[in-house]
Amino acid sequence: MPVFPTAARQALGDTQLRRNLAHATQTIRDKRARVVAEVEDWEELRLAGAGVKEAALRDLATHLETLEASLTRAGATVHWARDADEACAIVAAVAKRHGADEVVKVKSMATQEIGLNEALEAEGIAAWETDLAELIVQLGEDLPSHILVPAIHRNRAEVREIFRRRMAAVGRPAPDDLTDEPAVLAGAAREHLREKFLRAKVGVSGANFAVADTGTLVVVESEGNGRMCLTLPDVLVSVVGIEKVVATWSDLDPMLRLLPRSSTGERMNPYTSTWSGVTPGDGPQEVHVVLLDNGRTNALADEVGRQALRCIRCSACLNVCPVYERVGGHAYGSVYPGPIGAILNPLLRGVSDEQTASLPYASSLCGACFEVCPVRIDIPSVLVDQRAAVVDSHRGDRVPKPEAVAMKAAAWTFSSAKRLARAEQASGLAGRVLGRFSRTSLPGGRTAAGRLPGPGAAWTGARDLPAPPEESFRAWWDRTDGGQK
């Protein structure tokens, strides 16, 4: 993926994309605002949710060990995966042991994060997405662009063409009389997926929450596909990020009130599924839980950034972000787009590669993301801290960046009174020269902001650069005897 500025510039040129995003994010924002306004103690609820997640993170090792013991007692097999390769290998091994050449999946950001579909394909195993939006993305050979609504960049006419063109190649074809009415499109997806649900031996899921003391995994969803994936297959494999753990069942209370309102603008999710291990004769008779690190312990060690692990993947921050609304999710180059992705990706993966290092700058720092975050993640503060991390990562570069050269030059100048005085004199001379060229007929004798040529244009293209004052404060002070003349 290109760096964010390059990808964003390309996205801005797609007018259809911008129309789709503007309409969808506005609709979700309005729904959320209405249901949040119904809760008188919304801020207290946000504090409670943040407290639950923060308490779990502060004693994460203990809670994970408790979760493992609880799941094991309930008949589940617990695996620990340090990275994506280990997690994918575990899932593939389970599927191959049962002779499965396909699996059905309930939407899971973690499996997208680790590239599970591609890893299973390499092993000859097809992974079928069953969430409607994920199905659209998969059939369209596309990438998700939103945490909650992965196909938000598509309109219904585009979805109809994807279904007509691609469904027959991978299963039940779309009806000949398929229209672009949402109910008709959903019906076509339902018939297409039903065959896969009924024949699948292995299901793969994620989890919204994992309750340590009871060994309970929780999935909330709106379409019923999750319930099908979690109950019909003989074998269930759940890939769960280690940050999803909460200590007790009662800790779910604020989380299940915050999540639906912040994500889909609903008071309650239509489907809330919970399961703990194996129940003879009911549901999957073999359950595996893969507890995934994949950089999460690195994020946990960051005193400022660790709060990003509170995220409950509601996507509220994306829907209010002016940057995301204009460029969409693909520009971020990750399954985690928007403001949360701009901090979570660098925390998980580091800032050593150029694409990830560009993400903390994909923000105006307006603060809207913090205002809507149900667990009070101070995303702007983490963004600033990650920008500092990006700068620090380049301090040892053999060829310093222009900004670093400018800062070193400024430090050298300001460290000497004589050098600073000479710089002020040169600045005054430059001000007199530039002032002659930049004066316009604006009222009051004001001067227009200047723009630097060449490489400097990137800096001044979005910033005013007024001409330097013709007289420095020090010169004015000396000339007026401290302002007395």
Protein backbone atom coordinates (compact mmCIF):
# COMPACT_ATOMS: atom_id res chain seq x y z
CA MET A 1 0.00 0.00 0.00
CA PRO A 2 1.20 3.55 -0.68
CA VAL A 3 1.70 6.02 2.14
CA PHE A 4 -1.45 7.70 3.38
CA PRO A 5 -1.01 11.08 1.59
CA THR A 6 -0.64 9.31 -1.77
CA ALA A 7 -3.58 6.95 -1.19
CA ALA A 8 -5.74 9.79 0.13
CA ARG A 9 -5.03 11.95 -2.90
CA GLN A 10 -6.20 9.13 -5.17
CA ALA A 11 -9.35 8.57 -3.09
CA LEU A 12 -10.25 12.26 -3.18
CA GLY A 13 -10.49 12.03 -6.95
CA ASP A 14 -13.25 9.39 -6.73
CA THR A 15 -16.47 11.42 -6.58
CA GLN A 16 -18.70 8.32 -6.34
CA LEU A 17 -16.73 7.12 -3.33
CA ARG A 18 -17.11 10.48 -1.62
CA ARG A 19 -20.87 10.53 -2.23
CA ASN A 20 -21.25 6.99 -0.86
CA LEU A 21 -19.20 7.80 2.25
CA ALA A 22 -20.92 11.10 2.97
CA HIS A 23 -24.39 9.53 2.76
CA ALA A 24 -23.51 6.46 4.85
CA THR A 25 -21.60 8.19 7.62
CA GLN A 26 -24.26 10.89 7.97
CA THR A 27 -26.98 8.23 8.29
CA ILE A 28 -25.06 6.31 10.97
CA ARG A 29 -24.19 9.51 12.87
CA ASP A 30 -27.83 10.57 13.00
CA LYS A 31 -29.00 7.15 14.23
CA ARG A 32 -26.34 7.08 16.92
CA ALA A 33 -27.13 10.60 18.11
CA ARG A 34 -30.81 9.75 18.57
CA VAL A 35 -30.30 6.64 20.70
CA VAL A 36 -27.47 8.15 22.74
CA ALA A 37 -29.68 11.15 23.58
CA GLU A 38 -32.12 8.74 25.22
CA VAL A 39 -29.57 7.79 27.90
CA GLU A 40 -29.48 10.42 30.62
CA ASP A 41 -26.29 9.09 32.20
CA TRP A 42 -24.39 8.52 28.96
CA GLU A 43 -21.18 10.09 30.25
CA GLU A 44 -21.31 7.98 33.41
CA LEU A 45 -21.82 4.93 31.20
CA ARG A 46 -18.76 5.88 29.13
CA LEU A 47 -16.72 6.16 32.32
CA ALA A 48 -17.95 2.76 33.45
CA GLY A 49 -17.03 1.16 30.12
CA ALA A 50 -13.60 2.75 30.14
CA GLY A 51 -13.11 1.54 33.71
CA VAL A 52 -14.00 -2.04 32.85
CA LYS A 53 -11.55 -2.20 29.97
CA GLU A 54 -8.79 -0.35 31.80
CA ALA A 55 -9.05 -2.64 34.83
CA ALA A 56 -8.84 -5.69 32.58
CA LEU A 57 -5.76 -4.35 30.80
CA ARG A 58 -3.95 -3.51 34.04
CA ASP A 59 -4.07 -7.14 35.15
CA LEU A 60 -4.28 -8.74 31.73
CA ALA A 61 -1.98 -11.70 32.42
CA THR A 62 -4.06 -12.84 35.38
CA HIS A 63 -7.34 -12.50 33.51
CA LEU A 64 -6.01 -14.42 30.50
CA GLU A 65 -4.87 -17.29 32.70
CA THR A 66 -8.29 -17.33 34.35
CA LEU A 67 -9.96 -17.33 30.94
CA GLU A 68 -7.83 -20.26 29.78
CA ALA A 69 -8.65 -22.29 32.90
CA SER A 70 -12.38 -21.54 32.59
CA LEU A 71 -12.50 -22.47 28.91
CA THR A 72 -10.54 -25.66 29.50
CA ARG A 73 -12.93 -26.73 32.26
CA ALA A 74 -15.81 -26.18 29.85
CA GLY A 75 -14.26 -28.51 27.27
CA ALA A 76 -12.59 -26.03 24.92
CA THR A 77 -9.02 -26.27 23.68
CA VAL A 78 -7.06 -23.06 24.16
CA HIS A 79 -4.16 -22.09 21.88
CA TRP A 80 -1.78 -19.16 22.24
CA ALA A 81 -0.58 -17.40 19.09
CA ARG A 82 2.25 -14.90 19.21
CA ASP A 83 1.72 -13.65 15.67
CA ALA A 84 -0.34 -14.03 12.52
CA ASP A 85 1.59 -17.01 11.19
CA GLU A 86 1.04 -19.04 14.35
CA ALA A 87 -2.67 -18.19 14.48
CA CYS A 88 -3.26 -19.09 10.83
CA ALA A 89 -1.34 -22.35 11.20
CA ILE A 90 -3.51 -23.38 14.16
CA VAL A 91 -6.77 -22.74 12.30
CA ALA A 92 -5.52 -24.51 9.17
CA ALA A 93 -4.39 -27.54 11.18
CA VAL A 94 -7.80 -27.90 12.83
CA ALA A 95 -9.62 -27.66 9.49
CA LYS A 96 -7.30 -30.16 7.78
CA ARG A 97 -7.58 -32.61 10.66
CA HIS A 98 -11.32 -32.77 10.01
CA GLY A 99 -10.92 -33.04 6.24
CA ALA A 100 -12.58 -29.66 5.65
CA ASP A 101 -11.96 -27.93 2.34
CA GLU A 102 -14.06 -24.92 3.34
CA VAL A 103 -15.00 -22.96 6.48
CA VAL A 104 -17.75 -20.44 7.18
CA LYS A 105 -16.85 -17.29 9.09
CA VAL A 106 -18.71 -14.83 11.22
CA LYS A 107 -17.16 -11.39 10.79
CA SER A 108 -13.93 -11.07 12.72
CA MET A 109 -11.52 -8.16 12.50
CA ALA A 110 -8.80 -10.35 14.02
CA THR A 111 -8.95 -12.92 11.21
CA GLN A 112 -8.75 -10.12 8.65
CA GLU A 113 -5.83 -8.63 10.56
CA ILE A 114 -3.84 -11.87 10.32
CA GLY A 115 -4.80 -12.63 6.70
CA LEU A 116 -6.52 -15.90 7.60
CA ASN A 117 -8.50 -16.21 4.35
CA GLU A 118 -5.35 -16.01 2.26
CA ALA A 119 -3.50 -18.44 4.54
CA LEU A 120 -6.33 -20.99 4.33
CA GLU A 121 -6.52 -20.60 0.55
CA ALA A 122 -2.83 -21.48 0.34
CA GLU A 123 -3.70 -24.72 2.16
CA GLY A 124 -6.55 -25.52 -0.25
CA ILE A 125 -9.29 -24.41 2.15
CA ALA A 126 -11.93 -21.87 1.07
CA ALA A 127 -13.05 -19.37 3.73
CA TRP A 128 -16.54 -17.96 3.14
CA GLU A 129 -17.52 -14.66 4.69
CA THR A 130 -21.13 -14.72 5.89
CA ASP A 131 -21.70 -11.14 7.01
CA LEU A 132 -23.54 -9.38 4.16
CA ALA A 133 -21.06 -6.54 3.84
CA GLU A 134 -18.09 -8.91 4.10
CA LEU A 135 -19.68 -11.10 1.42
CA ILE A 136 -19.93 -8.06 -0.87
CA VAL A 137 -16.27 -7.28 -0.28
CA GLN A 138 -15.20 -10.88 -0.85
CA LEU A 139 -17.23 -11.39 -4.02
CA GLY A 140 -16.03 -8.06 -5.36
CA GLU A 141 -12.40 -9.10 -4.72
CA ASP A 142 -12.16 -5.91 -2.73
CA LEU A 143 -10.86 -4.80 0.67
CA PRO A 144 -12.96 -3.73 3.66
CA SER A 145 -13.11 0.03 4.18
CA HIS A 146 -14.96 0.35 7.49
CA ILE A 147 -14.88 -1.49 10.82
CA LEU A 148 -18.64 -1.94 11.07
CA VAL A 149 -19.77 -1.61 7.43
CA PRO A 150 -16.89 -3.02 5.35
CA ALA A 151 -18.69 -2.28 2.07
CA ILE A 152 -19.61 1.30 2.96
CA HIS A 153 -17.82 2.49 -0.18
CA ARG A 154 -20.29 0.58 -2.40
CA ASN A 155 -23.80 1.68 -3.34
CA ARG A 156 -26.63 -0.77 -3.99
CA ALA A 157 -26.31 -0.61 -7.76
CA GLU A 158 -22.69 -1.69 -7.46
CA VAL A 159 -23.68 -4.50 -5.07
CA ARG A 160 -26.24 -5.81 -7.56
CA GLU A 161 -23.61 -6.02 -10.29
CA ILE A 162 -21.19 -7.81 -7.97
CA PHE A 163 -23.83 -10.41 -7.07
CA ARG A 164 -24.83 -10.97 -10.71
CA ARG A 165 -21.23 -11.27 -11.85
CA ARG A 166 -19.66 -13.34 -9.08
CA MET A 167 -22.16 -15.44 -7.10
CA ALA A 168 -22.48 -18.26 -9.64
CA ALA A 169 -18.73 -18.89 -9.63
CA VAL A 170 -18.64 -19.73 -5.91
CA GLY A 171 -22.06 -21.19 -5.16
CA ARG A 172 -25.75 -20.50 -5.69
CA PRO A 173 -26.13 -17.89 -8.45
CA ALA A 174 -28.02 -14.65 -8.07
CA PRO A 175 -31.63 -14.68 -9.34
CA ASP A 176 -32.11 -13.61 -12.94
CA ASP A 177 -34.54 -10.89 -11.86
CA LEU A 178 -32.21 -9.46 -9.19
CA THR A 179 -32.85 -5.76 -8.52
CA ASP A 180 -30.96 -3.26 -6.42
CA GLU A 181 -33.63 -3.10 -3.69
CA PRO A 182 -31.92 -3.75 -0.34
CA ALA A 183 -34.43 -6.44 0.69
CA VAL A 184 -33.96 -8.25 -2.63
CA LEU A 185 -30.16 -8.10 -2.37
CA ALA A 186 -30.30 -9.41 1.21
CA GLY A 187 -32.58 -12.23 0.07
CA ALA A 188 -30.13 -13.26 -2.64
CA ALA A 189 -27.30 -13.29 -0.12
CA ARG A 190 -29.41 -15.34 2.31
CA GLU A 191 -30.11 -18.05 -0.27
CA HIS A 192 -26.49 -18.07 -1.40
CA LEU A 193 -25.15 -18.45 2.13
CA ARG A 194 -27.71 -20.96 3.38
CA GLU A 195 -26.11 -23.75 1.33
CA LYS A 196 -22.73 -22.99 2.84
CA PHE A 197 -24.07 -22.94 6.41
CA LEU A 198 -25.75 -26.33 6.03
CA ARG A 199 -22.74 -28.17 4.62
CA ALA A 200 -19.88 -26.58 6.57
CA LYS A 201 -17.99 -28.81 9.01
CA VAL A 202 -15.91 -26.00 10.51
CA GLY A 203 -16.90 -22.52 11.60
CA VAL A 204 -14.51 -19.67 12.39
CA SER A 205 -15.48 -16.74 14.58
CA GLY A 206 -14.06 -13.85 16.48
CA ALA A 207 -15.42 -12.47 19.73
CA ASN A 208 -16.50 -9.04 20.88
CA PHE A 209 -15.75 -9.94 24.50
CA ALA A 210 -14.28 -12.84 26.48
CA VAL A 211 -15.38 -13.19 30.12
CA ALA A 212 -12.52 -14.56 32.20
CA ASP A 213 -14.27 -15.97 35.26
CA THR A 214 -16.91 -17.94 33.32
CA GLY A 215 -14.92 -18.73 30.17
CA THR A 216 -17.65 -17.14 28.03
CA LEU A 217 -17.12 -15.75 24.54
CA VAL A 218 -19.58 -13.17 23.23
CA VAL A 219 -20.50 -12.19 19.67
CA VAL A 220 -23.02 -9.46 18.88
CA GLU A 221 -24.41 -9.04 15.37
CA SER A 222 -27.45 -7.94 13.43
CA GLU A 223 -28.04 -10.51 10.69
CA GLY A 224 -28.20 -13.94 12.32
CA ASN A 225 -25.24 -15.24 10.33
CA GLY A 226 -23.22 -15.32 13.53
CA ARG A 227 -25.76 -17.55 15.22
CA MET A 228 -25.61 -19.93 12.22
CA CYS A 229 -21.80 -20.06 12.24
CA LEU A 230 -21.66 -20.62 15.99
CA THR A 231 -24.21 -23.42 16.19
CA LEU A 232 -24.38 -25.45 12.94
CA PRO A 233 -20.79 -26.64 12.27
CA ASP A 234 -19.38 -29.61 14.19
CA VAL A 235 -16.16 -27.70 14.93
CA LEU A 236 -15.79 -24.07 15.99
CA VAL A 237 -12.53 -22.12 16.05
CA SER A 238 -12.59 -18.66 17.63
CA VAL A 239 -9.70 -16.26 17.03
CA VAL A 240 -9.73 -13.72 19.86
CA GLY A 241 -7.39 -10.80 20.48
CA ILE A 242 -6.06 -10.90 24.03
CA GLU A 243 -7.40 -7.39 24.67
CA LYS A 244 -11.02 -8.62 24.36
CA VAL A 245 -11.01 -10.08 27.88
CA VAL A 246 -13.10 -8.63 30.71
CA ALA A 247 -12.93 -9.92 34.25
CA THR A 248 -16.50 -10.86 35.18
CA TRP A 249 -19.93 -11.42 33.72
CA SER A 250 -21.21 -8.23 35.33
CA ASP A 251 -18.55 -6.29 33.41
CA LEU A 252 -20.52 -7.02 30.25
CA ASP A 253 -23.36 -4.80 31.46
CA PRO A 254 -21.93 -1.39 30.42
CA MET A 255 -20.26 -2.86 27.34
CA LEU A 256 -23.49 -4.30 25.93
CA ARG A 257 -25.22 -0.98 26.47
CA LEU A 258 -22.44 1.09 24.91
CA LEU A 259 -21.61 -1.01 21.87
CA PRO A 260 -24.94 -1.18 19.98
CA ARG A 261 -25.71 2.50 20.46
CA SER A 262 -22.24 3.55 19.35
CA SER A 263 -21.99 1.19 16.39
CA THR A 264 -25.32 0.53 14.65
CA GLY A 265 -27.40 3.15 16.44
CA GLU A 266 -29.53 0.47 18.11
CA ARG A 267 -30.60 0.08 21.72
CA MET A 268 -29.69 -3.59 21.61
CA ASN A 269 -28.14 -5.90 19.06
CA PRO A 270 -30.65 -8.25 17.42
CA TYR A 271 -28.38 -11.23 18.13
CA THR A 272 -26.19 -11.62 21.20
CA SER A 273 -24.56 -15.07 21.26
CA THR A 274 -22.59 -16.46 24.18
CA TRP A 275 -20.89 -19.84 24.49
CA SER A 276 -18.54 -21.59 26.90
CA GLY A 277 -16.79 -24.70 25.65
CA VAL A 278 -18.74 -27.80 24.60
CA THR A 279 -22.28 -28.91 25.49
CA PRO A 280 -22.95 -32.56 24.54
CA GLY A 281 -25.59 -32.82 21.84
CA ASP A 282 -25.95 -29.05 21.43
CA GLY A 283 -23.89 -27.00 19.00
CA PRO A 284 -20.26 -27.65 18.02
CA GLN A 285 -18.77 -30.70 19.69
CA GLU A 286 -15.21 -29.45 19.34
CA VAL A 287 -14.31 -25.90 20.29
CA HIS A 288 -10.94 -24.22 19.88
CA VAL A 289 -10.03 -20.73 21.11
CA VAL A 290 -6.93 -19.02 19.69
CA LEU A 291 -5.75 -16.19 21.94
CA LEU A 292 -3.92 -13.79 19.64
CA ASP A 293 -1.12 -11.37 20.54
CA ASN A 294 0.22 -10.10 17.18
CA GLY A 295 1.65 -6.88 18.63
CA ARG A 296 -0.86 -6.33 21.42
CA THR A 297 1.72 -6.74 24.17
CA ASN A 298 3.80 -4.07 22.42
CA ALA A 299 0.82 -1.72 22.58
CA LEU A 300 0.21 -2.69 26.21
CA ALA A 301 3.76 -1.61 27.08
CA ASP A 302 3.16 1.89 25.69
CA GLU A 303 1.99 4.04 28.61
CA VAL A 304 0.17 6.51 26.38
CA GLY A 305 -0.93 4.22 23.58
CA ARG A 306 -2.17 1.27 25.66
CA GLN A 307 -5.59 2.90 25.95
CA ALA A 308 -6.14 2.00 22.28
CA LEU A 309 -6.60 -1.60 23.46
CA ARG A 310 -9.84 -0.53 25.14
CA CYS A 311 -11.37 -0.26 21.66
CA ILE A 312 -14.58 -2.27 21.25
CA ARG A 313 -14.62 -1.83 17.43
CA CYS A 314 -17.80 0.26 17.36
CA SER A 315 -16.55 2.52 14.51
CA ALA A 316 -18.06 5.69 16.02
CA CYS A 317 -14.76 7.51 15.54
CA LEU A 318 -14.77 6.74 11.80
CA ASN A 319 -18.27 8.10 11.33
CA VAL A 320 -17.41 11.54 12.77
CA CYS A 321 -13.91 11.88 11.32
CA PRO A 322 -13.70 14.54 8.56
CA VAL A 323 -10.63 12.84 7.12
CA TYR A 324 -12.19 9.37 6.92
CA GLU A 325 -15.43 10.75 5.44
CA ARG A 326 -13.52 12.17 2.49
CA VAL A 327 -10.97 9.45 1.74
CA GLY A 328 -12.56 6.22 3.02
CA GLY A 329 -10.90 3.22 4.59
CA HIS A 330 -8.68 1.92 1.80
CA ALA A 331 -6.36 4.90 2.10
CA TYR A 332 -5.26 3.66 5.54
CA GLY A 333 -3.90 0.42 4.07
CA SER A 334 -5.18 -1.73 6.91
CA VAL A 335 -8.21 -3.60 8.19
CA TYR A 336 -8.32 -0.93 10.93
CA PRO A 337 -9.02 2.42 9.22
CA GLY A 338 -10.00 5.83 10.52
CA PRO A 339 -8.82 7.48 13.74
CA ILE A 340 -8.53 4.22 15.71
CA GLY A 341 -6.57 2.66 12.87
CA ALA A 342 -4.25 5.66 12.74
CA ILE A 343 -3.09 4.80 16.27
CA LEU A 344 -3.71 1.05 16.51
CA ASN A 345 -1.70 0.06 13.44
CA PRO A 346 1.49 1.87 14.54
CA LEU A 347 1.09 0.50 18.07
CA LEU A 348 0.71 -3.09 16.84
CA ARG A 349 3.24 -2.98 14.01
CA GLY A 350 5.65 -0.22 14.96
CA VAL A 351 6.56 2.76 12.80
CA SER A 352 9.52 1.29 10.97
CA ASP A 353 7.81 1.13 7.58
CA GLU A 354 6.84 4.28 5.72
CA GLN A 355 3.17 3.41 5.21
CA THR A 356 2.44 2.77 8.89
CA ALA A 357 4.50 5.78 9.93
CA SER A 358 2.27 8.01 7.78
CA LEU A 359 -0.94 7.07 9.63
CA PRO A 360 -0.55 9.21 12.80
CA TYR A 361 -0.59 12.25 10.50
CA ALA A 362 -3.93 11.22 8.93
CA SER A 363 -5.87 13.47 11.28
CA SER A 364 -6.83 17.08 11.81
CA LEU A 365 -6.71 16.56 15.61
CA CYS A 366 -10.20 18.05 15.85
CA GLY A 367 -11.05 15.78 18.80
CA ALA A 368 -14.43 14.58 17.52
CA CYS A 369 -13.24 10.97 17.81
CA PHE A 370 -12.69 11.28 21.56
CA GLU A 371 -16.07 12.90 22.07
CA VAL A 372 -17.91 9.90 20.60
CA CYS A 373 -15.66 7.07 21.79
CA PRO A 374 -17.76 4.90 24.15
CA VAL A 375 -14.69 3.88 26.16
CA ARG A 376 -13.07 7.33 26.16
CA ILE A 377 -9.91 6.60 24.18
CA ASP A 378 -8.07 9.91 23.90
CA ILE A 379 -7.19 9.35 20.25
CA PRO A 380 -5.80 12.88 19.61
CA SER A 381 -3.29 12.53 22.47
CA VAL A 382 -2.16 9.12 21.21
CA LEU A 383 -1.84 10.51 17.68
CA VAL A 384 0.49 13.25 18.89
CA ASP A 385 2.50 10.71 20.89
CA GLN A 386 2.79 8.42 17.86
CA ARG A 387 3.95 11.34 15.73
CA ALA A 388 6.74 11.82 18.24
CA ALA A 389 7.56 8.12 17.92
CA VAL A 390 7.80 8.51 14.14
CA VAL A 391 10.21 11.44 14.54
CA ASP A 392 12.28 9.52 17.10
CA SER A 393 12.54 6.54 14.74
CA HIS A 394 14.38 8.73 12.21
CA ARG A 395 16.91 10.33 14.55
CA GLY A 396 19.62 7.91 13.49
CA ASP A 397 19.03 8.20 9.74
CA ARG A 398 22.19 8.57 7.68
CA VAL A 399 20.37 11.07 5.46
CA PRO A 400 18.21 13.25 7.73
CA LYS A 401 14.81 14.48 6.60
CA PRO A 402 14.45 18.17 5.63
CA GLU A 403 12.35 18.83 8.74
CA ALA A 404 15.09 17.38 10.96
CA VAL A 405 17.70 19.56 9.23
CA ALA A 406 15.51 22.63 9.76
CA MET A 407 15.05 21.84 13.45
CA LYS A 408 18.78 21.30 13.97
CA ALA A 409 19.51 24.59 12.22
CA ALA A 410 16.98 26.34 14.44
CA ALA A 411 18.49 24.79 17.59
CA TRP A 412 21.99 25.86 16.51
CA THR A 413 20.76 29.41 15.86
CA PHE A 414 18.79 29.78 19.10
CA SER A 415 21.64 28.44 21.23
CA SER A 416 23.73 31.58 20.65
CA ALA A 417 22.65 35.18 21.25
CA LYS A 418 24.99 36.42 18.52
CA ARG A 419 23.72 33.92 15.96
CA LEU A 420 20.12 34.74 16.89
CA ALA A 421 20.77 38.48 16.47
CA ARG A 422 22.24 37.91 13.02
CA ALA A 423 19.28 35.70 12.09
CA GLU A 424 16.89 38.45 13.21
CA GLN A 425 18.72 40.97 11.05
CA ALA A 426 18.54 38.65 8.05
CA SER A 427 14.87 38.01 8.77
CA GLY A 428 14.15 41.73 8.83
CA LEU A 429 15.91 42.21 5.51
CA ALA A 430 13.93 39.32 4.03
CA GLY A 431 10.75 40.85 5.41
CA ARG A 432 11.40 44.15 3.70
CA VAL A 433 12.14 42.45 0.37
CA LEU A 434 9.25 39.98 0.50
CA GLY A 435 6.87 42.61 1.76
CA ARG A 436 7.28 44.59 -1.46
CA PHE A 437 6.30 41.58 -3.58
CA SER A 438 3.46 40.27 -1.39
CA ARG A 439 1.58 43.55 -0.76
CA THR A 440 -1.85 43.60 -2.31
CA SER A 441 -4.80 45.95 -2.33
CA LEU A 442 -6.35 44.24 0.69
CA PRO A 443 -8.06 46.64 3.14
CA GLY A 444 -5.88 48.03 5.85
CA GLY A 445 -2.64 47.46 3.99
CA ARG A 446 -2.62 43.73 4.88
CA THR A 447 -0.32 41.39 2.99
CA ALA A 448 -1.30 38.11 1.38
CA ALA A 449 0.14 34.90 2.77
CA GLY A 450 3.13 33.67 0.80
CA ARG A 451 3.95 30.24 -0.59
CA LEU A 452 7.38 28.73 -0.86
CA PRO A 453 8.49 27.34 -4.22
CA GLY A 454 9.81 23.83 -4.82
CA PRO A 455 9.95 21.40 -1.87
CA GLY A 456 8.64 24.08 0.48
CA ALA A 457 5.31 24.14 -1.36
CA ALA A 458 4.23 20.97 0.45
CA TRP A 459 4.49 22.83 3.75
CA THR A 460 2.94 26.14 2.73
CA GLY A 461 0.24 24.60 0.55
CA ALA A 462 -1.95 24.19 3.64
CA ARG A 463 -0.41 26.85 5.91
CA ASP A 464 -0.14 30.63 5.81
CA LEU A 465 3.39 31.99 5.51
CA PRO A 466 3.29 35.75 6.16
CA ALA A 467 6.35 37.77 5.35
CA PRO A 468 8.76 38.11 8.33
CA PRO A 469 8.44 41.39 10.27
CA GLU A 470 10.79 44.07 9.05
CA GLU A 471 11.88 44.80 12.64
CA SER A 472 12.49 42.21 15.36
CA PHE A 473 11.19 42.60 18.90
CA ARG A 474 14.75 43.03 20.17
CA ALA A 475 15.44 45.81 17.66
CA TRP A 476 12.16 47.52 18.56
CA TRP A 477 13.00 47.23 22.28
CA ASP A 478 16.42 48.83 21.77
CA ARG A 479 15.04 51.54 19.52
CA THR A 480 12.22 52.54 21.88
CA ASP A 481 14.18 52.07 25.12
CA GLY A 482 11.91 49.33 26.27
CA GLY A 483 8.79 50.88 24.81
CA GLN A 484 9.27 54.23 26.59
CA LYS A 485 9.85 56.30 23.44
